């Protein structure tokens, strides 16, 4: 299958998104706002320090509770619950970031003269189609030979001419 056929197939596969307008608007839903705040705080160094402090307190209480099964159950249950809930926050953040990145790349493809805009929305293709497309690009790369190396050299020379040092 050629790249042109892939492009035509993408346009056929692309389905309109039927999400509510508020899903990507500034306001969003309660979970979206919570996920934004939680991911900001939980991704901070302070959250890591707090988690380490909890583990240290739990370990220090081991002798007090004679390293009992209940003492072990506390940390096991706590970490399991936190991990379970974090999966949803991480997935929400990942979905939002992926969507934003895809939209930015789509805009770059659409705005770049000579770019194949048929490659917009590749994420709608099946894994099998994506692997075939990767094979097409690998063939193009092999046919191009050392074009990419010379392009890299050109960029390095241009940057050196502008006073950037790579040494």
N, C-alpha and C. Protein backbone atom coordinates (compact mmCIF):
# COMPACT_ATOMS: atom_id res chain seq x y z
N UNK A 1 0.85 -1.17 0.00
CA UNK A 1 0.00 0.00 0.00
C UNK A 1 0.89 1.24 0.00
N UNK A 2 0.61 2.19 -0.85
CA UNK A 2 1.43 3.38 -0.97
C UNK A 2 1.00 4.44 0.04
N UNK A 3 1.82 5.48 0.19
CA UNK A 3 1.49 6.56 1.11
C UNK A 3 0.21 7.27 0.66
N UNK A 4 0.01 7.40 -0.64
CA UNK A 4 -1.20 8.05 -1.15
C UNK A 4 -2.44 7.26 -0.73
N UNK A 5 -2.36 5.92 -0.84
CA UNK A 5 -3.48 5.08 -0.43
C UNK A 5 -3.74 5.20 1.06
N UNK A 6 -2.64 5.30 1.85
CA UNK A 6 -2.80 5.51 3.29
C UNK A 6 -3.54 6.82 3.55
N UNK A 7 -3.13 7.86 2.84
CA UNK A 7 -3.76 9.16 3.02
C UNK A 7 -5.24 9.12 2.70
N UNK A 8 -5.59 8.44 1.64
CA UNK A 8 -7.00 8.33 1.28
C UNK A 8 -7.75 7.53 2.33
N UNK A 9 -7.12 6.51 2.86
CA UNK A 9 -7.76 5.67 3.87
C UNK A 9 -7.99 6.44 5.16
N UNK A 10 -7.03 7.31 5.51
CA UNK A 10 -7.16 8.11 6.73
C UNK A 10 -8.40 8.97 6.65
N UNK A 11 -8.59 9.62 5.51
CA UNK A 11 -9.76 10.49 5.38
C UNK A 11 -11.06 9.70 5.49
N UNK A 12 -11.04 8.44 5.07
CA UNK A 12 -12.23 7.60 5.19
C UNK A 12 -12.42 7.17 6.63
N UNK A 13 -11.31 6.87 7.33
CA UNK A 13 -11.40 6.39 8.71
C UNK A 13 -11.74 7.48 9.70
N UNK A 14 -11.37 8.70 9.38
CA UNK A 14 -11.56 9.78 10.33
C UNK A 14 -13.05 10.00 10.56
N UNK A 15 -13.43 9.89 11.81
CA UNK A 15 -14.84 10.09 12.18
C UNK A 15 -14.95 11.36 12.98
N UNK A 16 -16.05 12.08 12.86
CA UNK A 16 -16.18 13.29 13.66
C UNK A 16 -16.23 12.95 15.15
N UNK A 17 -15.59 13.79 15.92
CA UNK A 17 -15.54 13.59 17.37
C UNK A 17 -16.82 14.14 17.96
N UNK A 18 -17.48 13.33 18.77
CA UNK A 18 -18.74 13.76 19.36
C UNK A 18 -18.59 13.98 20.85
N UNK A 19 -17.70 14.91 21.20
CA UNK A 19 -17.50 15.24 22.60
C UNK A 19 -18.22 16.55 22.90
N UNK A 20 -18.64 16.71 24.13
CA UNK A 20 -19.29 17.98 24.47
C UNK A 20 -18.31 19.14 24.35
N UNK A 21 -18.83 20.28 24.03
CA UNK A 21 -17.97 21.46 23.83
C UNK A 21 -17.20 21.82 25.09
N UNK A 22 -17.74 21.51 26.26
CA UNK A 22 -17.07 21.87 27.51
C UNK A 22 -15.90 20.96 27.83
N UNK A 23 -15.78 19.83 27.11
CA UNK A 23 -14.69 18.90 27.42
C UNK A 23 -13.33 19.53 27.19
N UNK A 24 -13.23 20.43 26.21
CA UNK A 24 -11.94 21.04 25.91
C UNK A 24 -11.98 22.55 26.11
N UNK A 25 -13.06 23.04 26.60
CA UNK A 25 -13.16 24.47 26.86
C UNK A 25 -12.45 24.80 28.16
N UNK A 26 -12.30 26.07 28.44
CA UNK A 26 -11.58 26.49 29.63
C UNK A 26 -12.16 25.96 30.91
N UNK A 27 -13.47 25.89 31.03
CA UNK A 27 -14.12 25.47 32.27
C UNK A 27 -13.94 24.00 32.54
N UNK A 28 -14.39 23.17 31.65
CA UNK A 28 -14.28 21.74 31.83
C UNK A 28 -15.14 21.24 32.97
N UNK A 29 -15.02 19.97 33.25
CA UNK A 29 -15.80 19.36 34.31
C UNK A 29 -15.06 19.36 35.62
N UNK A 30 -15.75 18.89 36.63
CA UNK A 30 -15.17 18.82 37.97
C UNK A 30 -13.95 17.90 38.00
N UNK A 31 -14.07 16.73 37.36
CA UNK A 31 -12.93 15.81 37.36
C UNK A 31 -11.73 16.41 36.64
N UNK A 32 -11.98 17.09 35.52
CA UNK A 32 -10.89 17.68 34.75
C UNK A 32 -10.14 18.71 35.61
N UNK A 33 -10.88 19.56 36.29
CA UNK A 33 -10.24 20.56 37.16
C UNK A 33 -9.48 19.89 38.29
N UNK A 34 -10.11 18.87 38.90
CA UNK A 34 -9.44 18.14 39.98
C UNK A 34 -8.16 17.48 39.46
N UNK A 35 -8.25 16.85 38.29
CA UNK A 35 -7.09 16.16 37.72
C UNK A 35 -5.95 17.14 37.42
N UNK A 36 -6.28 18.32 36.94
CA UNK A 36 -5.25 19.33 36.67
C UNK A 36 -4.52 19.73 37.94
N UNK A 37 -5.30 20.04 39.00
CA UNK A 37 -4.70 20.46 40.26
C UNK A 37 -3.92 19.31 40.90
N UNK A 38 -4.54 18.13 40.92
CA UNK A 38 -3.89 16.97 41.54
C UNK A 38 -2.60 16.60 40.82
N UNK A 39 -2.61 16.62 39.48
CA UNK A 39 -1.40 16.24 38.75
C UNK A 39 -0.29 17.26 38.96
N UNK A 40 -0.67 18.54 39.09
CA UNK A 40 0.34 19.56 39.37
C UNK A 40 0.98 19.33 40.74
N UNK A 41 0.14 19.09 41.75
CA UNK A 41 0.67 18.92 43.09
C UNK A 41 1.40 17.58 43.23
N UNK A 42 0.79 16.50 42.74
CA UNK A 42 1.37 15.18 42.92
C UNK A 42 2.65 14.98 42.09
N UNK A 43 2.85 15.82 41.10
CA UNK A 43 4.09 15.76 40.32
C UNK A 43 5.18 16.64 40.87
N UNK A 44 4.94 17.25 42.02
CA UNK A 44 5.92 18.18 42.59
C UNK A 44 6.90 17.46 43.51
N UNK A 45 8.03 18.08 43.75
CA UNK A 45 8.99 17.51 44.71
C UNK A 45 8.40 17.38 46.11
N UNK A 46 7.50 18.29 46.48
CA UNK A 46 6.88 18.24 47.81
C UNK A 46 6.05 16.98 48.00
N UNK A 47 5.38 16.55 46.96
CA UNK A 47 4.59 15.32 47.06
C UNK A 47 5.51 14.12 47.27
N UNK A 48 6.64 14.12 46.59
CA UNK A 48 7.60 13.03 46.77
C UNK A 48 8.14 13.03 48.19
N UNK A 49 8.47 14.20 48.70
CA UNK A 49 8.97 14.31 50.07
C UNK A 49 7.91 13.82 51.05
N UNK A 50 6.65 14.18 50.82
CA UNK A 50 5.56 13.72 51.69
C UNK A 50 5.43 12.20 51.65
N UNK A 51 5.55 11.61 50.47
CA UNK A 51 5.45 10.15 50.34
C UNK A 51 6.61 9.47 51.08
N UNK A 52 7.80 10.01 50.94
CA UNK A 52 8.96 9.45 51.65
C UNK A 52 8.75 9.57 53.16
N UNK A 53 8.22 10.71 53.60
CA UNK A 53 7.96 10.90 55.04
C UNK A 53 6.95 9.88 55.56
N UNK A 54 5.91 9.59 54.78
CA UNK A 54 4.92 8.59 55.19
C UNK A 54 5.59 7.23 55.35
N UNK A 55 6.45 6.87 54.42
CA UNK A 55 7.13 5.57 54.48
C UNK A 55 8.08 5.52 55.68
N UNK A 56 8.76 6.62 55.95
CA UNK A 56 9.68 6.65 57.10
C UNK A 56 8.90 6.51 58.41
N UNK A 57 7.79 7.23 58.52
CA UNK A 57 6.96 7.12 59.74
C UNK A 57 6.44 5.69 59.87
N UNK A 58 5.96 5.12 58.78
CA UNK A 58 5.46 3.74 58.81
C UNK A 58 6.57 2.78 59.25
N UNK A 59 7.77 2.92 58.69
CA UNK A 59 8.88 2.04 59.05
C UNK A 59 9.28 2.23 60.51
N UNK A 60 9.27 3.47 60.97
CA UNK A 60 9.63 3.74 62.37
C UNK A 60 8.62 3.14 63.34
N UNK A 61 7.39 3.02 62.92
CA UNK A 61 6.35 2.43 63.78
C UNK A 61 6.39 0.90 63.77
N UNK A 62 7.23 0.32 62.94
CA UNK A 62 7.34 -1.13 62.87
C UNK A 62 7.63 -1.79 64.21
N UNK A 63 8.65 -1.34 64.94
CA UNK A 63 8.93 -1.95 66.24
C UNK A 63 7.79 -1.76 67.25
N UNK A 64 7.11 -0.62 67.17
CA UNK A 64 6.01 -0.34 68.10
C UNK A 64 4.91 -1.38 67.91
N UNK A 65 4.63 -1.71 66.66
CA UNK A 65 3.57 -2.67 66.35
C UNK A 65 4.13 -4.08 66.15
N UNK A 66 5.40 -4.28 66.51
CA UNK A 66 6.08 -5.58 66.44
C UNK A 66 6.01 -6.18 65.04
N UNK A 67 6.11 -5.30 64.06
CA UNK A 67 6.12 -5.71 62.64
C UNK A 67 4.99 -6.69 62.34
N UNK A 68 3.84 -6.40 62.89
CA UNK A 68 2.69 -7.30 62.77
C UNK A 68 2.11 -7.29 61.35
N UNK A 69 1.20 -8.22 61.13
CA UNK A 69 0.52 -8.29 59.83
C UNK A 69 -0.31 -7.04 59.58
N UNK A 70 -0.93 -6.52 60.62
CA UNK A 70 -1.71 -5.29 60.46
C UNK A 70 -0.83 -4.11 60.09
N UNK A 71 0.37 -4.05 60.68
CA UNK A 71 1.32 -2.99 60.36
C UNK A 71 1.70 -3.07 58.88
N UNK A 72 1.94 -4.25 58.37
CA UNK A 72 2.26 -4.44 56.95
C UNK A 72 1.05 -4.14 56.07
N UNK A 73 -0.12 -4.53 56.55
CA UNK A 73 -1.34 -4.32 55.79
C UNK A 73 -1.62 -2.83 55.56
N UNK A 74 -1.25 -2.00 56.52
CA UNK A 74 -1.47 -0.55 56.40
C UNK A 74 -0.75 0.00 55.17
N UNK A 75 0.54 -0.30 55.02
CA UNK A 75 1.30 0.24 53.89
C UNK A 75 0.84 -0.41 52.58
N UNK A 76 0.58 -1.71 52.61
CA UNK A 76 0.14 -2.40 51.40
C UNK A 76 -1.20 -1.85 50.90
N UNK A 77 -2.15 -1.67 51.81
CA UNK A 77 -3.46 -1.15 51.43
C UNK A 77 -3.35 0.30 50.96
N UNK A 78 -2.61 1.09 51.69
CA UNK A 78 -2.44 2.50 51.33
C UNK A 78 -1.81 2.68 49.96
N UNK A 79 -0.74 1.96 49.70
CA UNK A 79 -0.08 2.11 48.40
C UNK A 79 -0.94 1.56 47.27
N UNK A 80 -1.68 0.51 47.53
CA UNK A 80 -2.57 -0.04 46.49
C UNK A 80 -3.65 0.95 46.12
N UNK A 81 -4.28 1.56 47.12
CA UNK A 81 -5.34 2.54 46.86
C UNK A 81 -4.79 3.75 46.12
N UNK A 82 -3.66 4.27 46.59
CA UNK A 82 -3.07 5.43 45.94
C UNK A 82 -2.70 5.11 44.49
N UNK A 83 -2.10 3.94 44.27
CA UNK A 83 -1.72 3.55 42.91
C UNK A 83 -2.95 3.42 42.01
N UNK A 84 -3.99 2.81 42.52
CA UNK A 84 -5.23 2.63 41.76
C UNK A 84 -5.79 3.99 41.33
N UNK A 85 -5.86 4.94 42.25
CA UNK A 85 -6.40 6.26 41.93
C UNK A 85 -5.47 7.05 41.00
N UNK A 86 -4.17 6.89 41.19
CA UNK A 86 -3.21 7.62 40.36
C UNK A 86 -3.27 7.19 38.90
N UNK A 87 -3.63 5.95 38.64
CA UNK A 87 -3.74 5.47 37.26
C UNK A 87 -4.71 6.36 36.48
N UNK A 88 -5.82 6.73 37.09
CA UNK A 88 -6.82 7.54 36.41
C UNK A 88 -6.34 8.96 36.20
N UNK A 89 -5.64 9.52 37.19
CA UNK A 89 -5.11 10.86 37.02
C UNK A 89 -4.03 10.91 35.95
N UNK A 90 -3.14 9.92 35.97
CA UNK A 90 -2.08 9.87 34.97
C UNK A 90 -2.67 9.69 33.57
N UNK A 91 -3.66 8.82 33.43
CA UNK A 91 -4.27 8.59 32.13
C UNK A 91 -4.96 9.85 31.63
N UNK A 92 -5.64 10.57 32.51
CA UNK A 92 -6.30 11.81 32.11
C UNK A 92 -5.27 12.82 31.62
N UNK A 93 -4.19 12.97 32.36
CA UNK A 93 -3.13 13.90 31.97
C UNK A 93 -2.50 13.48 30.66
N UNK A 94 -2.24 12.18 30.49
CA UNK A 94 -1.65 11.67 29.26
C UNK A 94 -2.58 11.91 28.07
N UNK A 95 -3.86 11.66 28.25
CA UNK A 95 -4.83 11.89 27.16
C UNK A 95 -4.84 13.36 26.73
N UNK A 96 -4.85 14.25 27.72
CA UNK A 96 -4.87 15.68 27.43
C UNK A 96 -3.60 16.11 26.71
N UNK A 97 -2.44 15.64 27.20
CA UNK A 97 -1.17 16.00 26.58
C UNK A 97 -1.06 15.45 25.16
N UNK A 98 -1.51 14.20 24.97
CA UNK A 98 -1.45 13.59 23.65
C UNK A 98 -2.34 14.34 22.67
N UNK A 99 -3.53 14.71 23.10
CA UNK A 99 -4.43 15.46 22.23
C UNK A 99 -3.81 16.80 21.85
N UNK A 100 -3.26 17.50 22.83
CA UNK A 100 -2.65 18.80 22.56
C UNK A 100 -1.48 18.65 21.59
N UNK A 101 -0.64 17.64 21.79
CA UNK A 101 0.50 17.44 20.91
C UNK A 101 0.05 17.09 19.49
N UNK A 102 -0.95 16.23 19.38
CA UNK A 102 -1.46 15.88 18.05
C UNK A 102 -2.03 17.11 17.34
N UNK A 103 -2.74 17.96 18.06
CA UNK A 103 -3.29 19.16 17.46
C UNK A 103 -2.18 20.11 17.00
N UNK A 104 -1.13 20.24 17.79
CA UNK A 104 0.00 21.09 17.40
C UNK A 104 0.70 20.54 16.17
N UNK A 105 0.91 19.22 16.14
CA UNK A 105 1.55 18.62 14.97
C UNK A 105 0.67 18.73 13.73
N UNK A 106 -0.65 18.55 13.92
CA UNK A 106 -1.58 18.72 12.80
C UNK A 106 -1.49 20.13 12.24
N UNK A 107 -1.42 21.11 13.13
CA UNK A 107 -1.32 22.50 12.68
C UNK A 107 -0.02 22.74 11.92
N UNK A 108 1.07 22.16 12.39
CA UNK A 108 2.34 22.30 11.68
C UNK A 108 2.28 21.66 10.30
N UNK A 109 1.68 20.47 10.23
CA UNK A 109 1.55 19.82 8.92
C UNK A 109 0.70 20.65 7.97
N UNK A 110 -0.40 21.17 8.48
CA UNK A 110 -1.30 21.96 7.62
C UNK A 110 -0.65 23.26 7.19
N UNK A 111 0.20 23.82 8.03
CA UNK A 111 0.80 25.12 7.74
C UNK A 111 2.12 25.06 7.02
N UNK A 112 2.66 23.88 6.79
CA UNK A 112 3.95 23.73 6.14
C UNK A 112 3.75 23.40 4.67
N UNK A 113 4.25 24.28 3.83
CA UNK A 113 4.11 24.05 2.39
C UNK A 113 4.90 22.81 2.00
N UNK A 114 4.27 21.95 1.24
CA UNK A 114 4.91 20.72 0.79
C UNK A 114 4.72 19.54 1.71
N UNK A 115 4.20 19.79 2.91
CA UNK A 115 3.97 18.68 3.85
C UNK A 115 2.76 17.89 3.39
N UNK A 116 2.78 16.61 3.66
CA UNK A 116 1.66 15.75 3.30
C UNK A 116 0.59 15.83 4.38
N UNK A 117 -0.43 16.61 4.12
CA UNK A 117 -1.49 16.76 5.10
C UNK A 117 -2.34 15.50 5.23
N UNK A 118 -2.12 14.54 4.35
CA UNK A 118 -2.84 13.27 4.47
C UNK A 118 -2.34 12.48 5.68
N UNK A 119 -1.21 12.89 6.24
CA UNK A 119 -0.68 12.19 7.41
C UNK A 119 -1.30 12.69 8.72
N UNK A 120 -2.12 13.72 8.62
CA UNK A 120 -2.84 14.21 9.81
C UNK A 120 -3.80 13.11 10.25
N UNK A 121 -3.91 12.91 11.52
CA UNK A 121 -4.81 11.91 12.12
C UNK A 121 -4.35 10.48 11.88
N UNK A 122 -3.05 10.25 11.88
CA UNK A 122 -2.54 8.89 11.78
C UNK A 122 -2.98 8.03 12.95
N UNK A 123 -3.28 8.67 14.08
CA UNK A 123 -3.68 7.92 15.27
C UNK A 123 -4.97 7.15 15.06
N UNK A 124 -5.70 7.46 13.98
CA UNK A 124 -6.94 6.73 13.69
C UNK A 124 -6.71 5.41 12.97
N UNK A 125 -5.47 5.18 12.50
CA UNK A 125 -5.18 3.95 11.77
C UNK A 125 -5.01 2.77 12.73
N UNK A 126 -5.18 1.58 12.20
CA UNK A 126 -4.95 0.38 12.99
C UNK A 126 -3.45 0.19 13.19
N UNK A 127 -3.07 -0.66 14.14
CA UNK A 127 -1.65 -0.94 14.37
C UNK A 127 -1.01 -1.53 13.12
N UNK A 128 -1.74 -2.39 12.44
CA UNK A 128 -1.22 -3.01 11.22
C UNK A 128 -0.91 -1.95 10.15
N UNK A 129 -1.82 -0.99 9.98
CA UNK A 129 -1.60 0.07 9.00
C UNK A 129 -0.43 0.96 9.40
N UNK A 130 -0.30 1.24 10.69
CA UNK A 130 0.82 2.05 11.16
C UNK A 130 2.16 1.35 10.91
N UNK A 131 2.20 0.03 11.11
CA UNK A 131 3.43 -0.72 10.85
C UNK A 131 3.77 -0.70 9.37
N UNK A 132 2.77 -0.81 8.52
CA UNK A 132 3.01 -0.72 7.07
C UNK A 132 3.54 0.66 6.69
N UNK A 133 2.96 1.70 7.28
CA UNK A 133 3.40 3.05 6.99
C UNK A 133 4.84 3.26 7.47
N UNK A 134 5.16 2.72 8.62
CA UNK A 134 6.54 2.82 9.11
C UNK A 134 7.49 2.16 8.14
N UNK A 135 7.08 1.01 7.58
CA UNK A 135 7.90 0.34 6.57
C UNK A 135 8.11 1.21 5.34
N UNK A 136 7.06 1.92 4.91
CA UNK A 136 7.18 2.84 3.78
C UNK A 136 8.21 3.92 4.08
N UNK A 137 8.16 4.49 5.28
CA UNK A 137 9.11 5.54 5.63
C UNK A 137 10.54 4.99 5.76
N UNK A 138 10.67 3.76 6.23
CA UNK A 138 12.00 3.15 6.29
C UNK A 138 12.57 2.97 4.89
N UNK A 139 11.73 2.56 3.95
CA UNK A 139 12.17 2.43 2.55
C UNK A 139 12.60 3.78 2.00
N UNK A 140 11.80 4.81 2.26
CA UNK A 140 12.16 6.15 1.80
C UNK A 140 13.49 6.60 2.40
N UNK A 141 13.70 6.29 3.66
CA UNK A 141 14.94 6.65 4.34
C UNK A 141 16.13 5.94 3.72
N UNK A 142 15.97 4.65 3.43
CA UNK A 142 17.06 3.89 2.81
C UNK A 142 17.37 4.42 1.41
N UNK A 143 16.33 4.80 0.66
CA UNK A 143 16.53 5.35 -0.67
C UNK A 143 17.22 6.70 -0.62
N UNK A 144 16.96 7.47 0.44
CA UNK A 144 17.55 8.79 0.57
C UNK A 144 19.04 8.71 0.88
N UNK A 145 19.49 7.59 1.43
CA UNK A 145 20.90 7.40 1.73
C UNK A 145 21.36 8.32 2.83
N UNK A 146 22.45 9.04 2.55
CA UNK A 146 23.05 9.89 3.58
C UNK A 146 22.54 11.32 3.53
N UNK A 147 21.35 11.52 2.98
CA UNK A 147 20.77 12.86 2.91
C UNK A 147 20.60 13.43 4.32
N UNK A 148 20.18 12.59 5.26
CA UNK A 148 19.93 13.07 6.61
C UNK A 148 21.22 13.45 7.32
N UNK A 149 22.28 12.69 7.07
CA UNK A 149 23.56 13.04 7.68
C UNK A 149 24.07 14.37 7.15
N UNK A 150 23.94 14.60 5.82
CA UNK A 150 24.41 15.86 5.27
C UNK A 150 23.56 17.01 5.77
N UNK A 151 22.26 16.77 5.98
CA UNK A 151 21.39 17.82 6.52
C UNK A 151 21.81 18.18 7.94
N UNK A 152 22.19 17.17 8.74
CA UNK A 152 22.67 17.43 10.09
C UNK A 152 23.96 18.23 10.06
N UNK A 153 24.86 17.87 9.16
CA UNK A 153 26.10 18.62 9.03
C UNK A 153 25.83 20.07 8.65
N UNK A 154 24.88 20.28 7.73
CA UNK A 154 24.53 21.64 7.33
C UNK A 154 24.03 22.46 8.52
N UNK A 155 23.20 21.86 9.35
CA UNK A 155 22.67 22.56 10.53
C UNK A 155 23.80 22.88 11.49
N UNK A 156 24.70 21.94 11.72
CA UNK A 156 25.83 22.18 12.63
C UNK A 156 26.70 23.32 12.11
N UNK A 157 26.98 23.33 10.82
CA UNK A 157 27.80 24.41 10.24
C UNK A 157 27.10 25.76 10.38
N UNK A 158 25.79 25.78 10.13
CA UNK A 158 25.02 27.02 10.26
C UNK A 158 25.07 27.53 11.70
N UNK A 159 24.91 26.63 12.67
CA UNK A 159 24.96 27.04 14.07
C UNK A 159 26.35 27.52 14.48
N UNK A 160 27.39 26.85 13.97
CA UNK A 160 28.76 27.29 14.27
C UNK A 160 29.01 28.67 13.69
N UNK A 161 28.49 28.92 12.48
CA UNK A 161 28.63 30.24 11.87
C UNK A 161 27.96 31.32 12.70
N UNK A 162 26.91 30.95 13.41
CA UNK A 162 26.20 31.91 14.26
C UNK A 162 26.82 32.04 15.65
N UNK A 163 27.92 31.32 15.89
CA UNK A 163 28.64 31.46 17.15
C UNK A 163 28.33 30.42 18.20
N UNK A 164 27.58 29.35 17.86
CA UNK A 164 27.30 28.30 18.82
C UNK A 164 28.47 27.31 18.82
N UNK A 165 28.83 26.86 20.03
CA UNK A 165 29.95 25.95 20.16
C UNK A 165 29.45 24.56 20.54
N UNK A 166 29.96 23.52 19.88
CA UNK A 166 29.56 22.14 20.15
C UNK A 166 30.66 21.36 20.84
N UNK A 167 31.68 22.02 21.33
CA UNK A 167 32.83 21.29 21.82
C UNK A 167 32.90 21.15 23.25
